[in-house]
Amino acid sequence: MTPEESSTITTDAVLAEIARVLRDELQLAKEVKPSDDLAADLQLDSVSLLTLVVELENRFRVALNEADAADIHTVTELAALVVRRANEST
């Protein structure tokens, strides 16, 4: 991803990538909604969450840390965090 692309990361792009990772990498058959809770609705365990985070970090060239995890419960919150981190690095 070029620097120009990182400044144009949108919530919709991150939501689409989250859905792709859940479907393709984690074989989640359920349709993912932005309001879904990562643990309760999608039933992601720590390994699945780690896989999702690493894929998002690689795709969007951001760093997410453990301190961020305390405030993240839904797909929307995760997408917003990725967008925020991407904007901080530009």
Protein backbone atom coordinates (compact mmCIF):
# COMPACT_ATOMS: atom_id res chain seq x y z
CA MET A 1 0.00 0.00 0.00
CA THR A 2 1.40 3.35 -0.98
CA PRO A 3 1.31 6.40 1.31
CA GLU A 4 -1.41 7.90 -0.88
CA GLU A 5 -3.59 4.83 -0.42
CA SER A 6 -3.17 4.79 3.36
CA SER A 7 -4.65 8.27 3.62
CA THR A 8 -7.79 7.12 1.84
CA ILE A 9 -8.62 4.13 4.03
CA THR A 10 -12.34 4.18 4.68
CA THR A 11 -14.46 2.43 7.24
CA ASP A 12 -16.25 0.63 4.40
CA ALA A 13 -12.93 -0.71 3.08
CA VAL A 14 -11.97 -1.98 6.52
CA LEU A 15 -15.41 -3.54 7.06
CA ALA A 16 -15.08 -5.32 3.71
CA GLU A 17 -11.64 -6.62 4.67
CA ILE A 18 -12.91 -7.82 8.06
CA ALA A 19 -15.71 -9.71 6.29
CA ARG A 20 -13.21 -11.18 3.81
CA VAL A 21 -10.85 -12.40 6.52
CA LEU A 22 -13.67 -13.90 8.54
CA ARG A 23 -15.04 -15.67 5.46
CA ASP A 24 -11.84 -16.71 3.66
CA GLU A 25 -9.29 -17.14 6.44
CA LEU A 26 -11.49 -18.18 9.36
CA GLN A 27 -14.23 -19.98 7.38
CA LEU A 28 -17.03 -18.11 9.12
CA ALA A 29 -20.24 -18.93 7.25
CA LYS A 30 -22.33 -16.21 8.93
CA GLU A 31 -22.87 -12.88 7.20
CA VAL A 32 -20.98 -10.27 9.18
CA LYS A 33 -22.85 -7.14 10.26
CA PRO A 34 -21.11 -3.99 11.55
CA SER A 35 -23.00 -4.29 14.84
CA ASP A 36 -21.83 -7.87 15.46
CA ASP A 37 -19.96 -8.44 18.70
CA LEU A 38 -16.66 -10.15 17.93
CA ALA A 39 -16.94 -12.64 20.79
CA ALA A 40 -20.67 -13.03 21.45
CA ASP A 41 -22.08 -12.88 17.91
CA LEU A 42 -19.16 -14.12 15.82
CA GLN A 43 -17.78 -16.42 18.54
CA LEU A 44 -14.18 -15.51 17.81
CA ASP A 45 -11.65 -16.98 20.21
CA SER A 46 -8.23 -15.52 20.96
CA VAL A 47 -6.57 -17.31 18.03
CA SER A 48 -9.25 -16.16 15.59
CA LEU A 49 -9.01 -12.60 16.88
CA LEU A 50 -5.24 -12.66 16.52
CA THR A 51 -5.56 -13.93 12.95
CA LEU A 52 -8.03 -11.15 12.15
CA VAL A 53 -5.82 -8.46 13.71
CA VAL A 54 -2.67 -9.65 11.92
CA GLU A 55 -4.49 -9.72 8.57
CA LEU A 56 -5.79 -6.17 9.14
CA GLU A 57 -2.34 -4.93 10.21
CA ASN A 58 -0.78 -6.43 7.08
CA ARG A 59 -3.46 -5.20 4.69
CA PHE A 60 -3.65 -1.64 6.00
CA ARG A 61 -0.07 -1.28 7.29
CA VAL A 62 -1.13 -0.32 10.82
CA ALA A 63 -0.09 -1.49 14.28
CA LEU A 64 -2.78 -2.48 16.73
CA ASN A 65 -1.76 -3.10 20.32
CA GLU A 66 -3.13 -5.04 23.25
CA ALA A 67 -4.25 -1.87 25.03
CA ASP A 68 -6.61 -1.19 22.12
CA ALA A 69 -8.38 -4.51 22.67
CA ALA A 70 -10.05 -3.46 25.92
CA ASP A 71 -12.29 -0.98 24.13
CA ILE A 72 -13.06 -3.08 21.05
CA HIS A 73 -16.15 -5.27 21.09
CA THR A 74 -17.91 -4.88 17.74
CA VAL A 75 -16.94 -5.08 14.09
CA THR A 76 -17.62 -1.33 13.76
CA GLU A 77 -15.32 -0.50 16.68
CA LEU A 78 -12.53 -2.59 15.17
CA ALA A 79 -12.95 -0.92 11.78
CA ALA A 80 -12.89 2.53 13.38
CA LEU A 81 -9.69 1.67 15.23
CA VAL A 82 -7.96 0.54 12.02
CA VAL A 83 -9.01 3.76 10.25
CA ARG A 84 -7.82 5.84 13.21
CA ARG A 85 -4.41 4.07 13.30
CA ALA A 86 -4.02 4.44 9.53
CA ASN A 87 -4.71 8.17 9.78
CA GLU A 88 -2.20 8.52 12.64
CA SER A 89 0.54 7.02 10.48
CA THR A 90 0.03 9.39 7.54
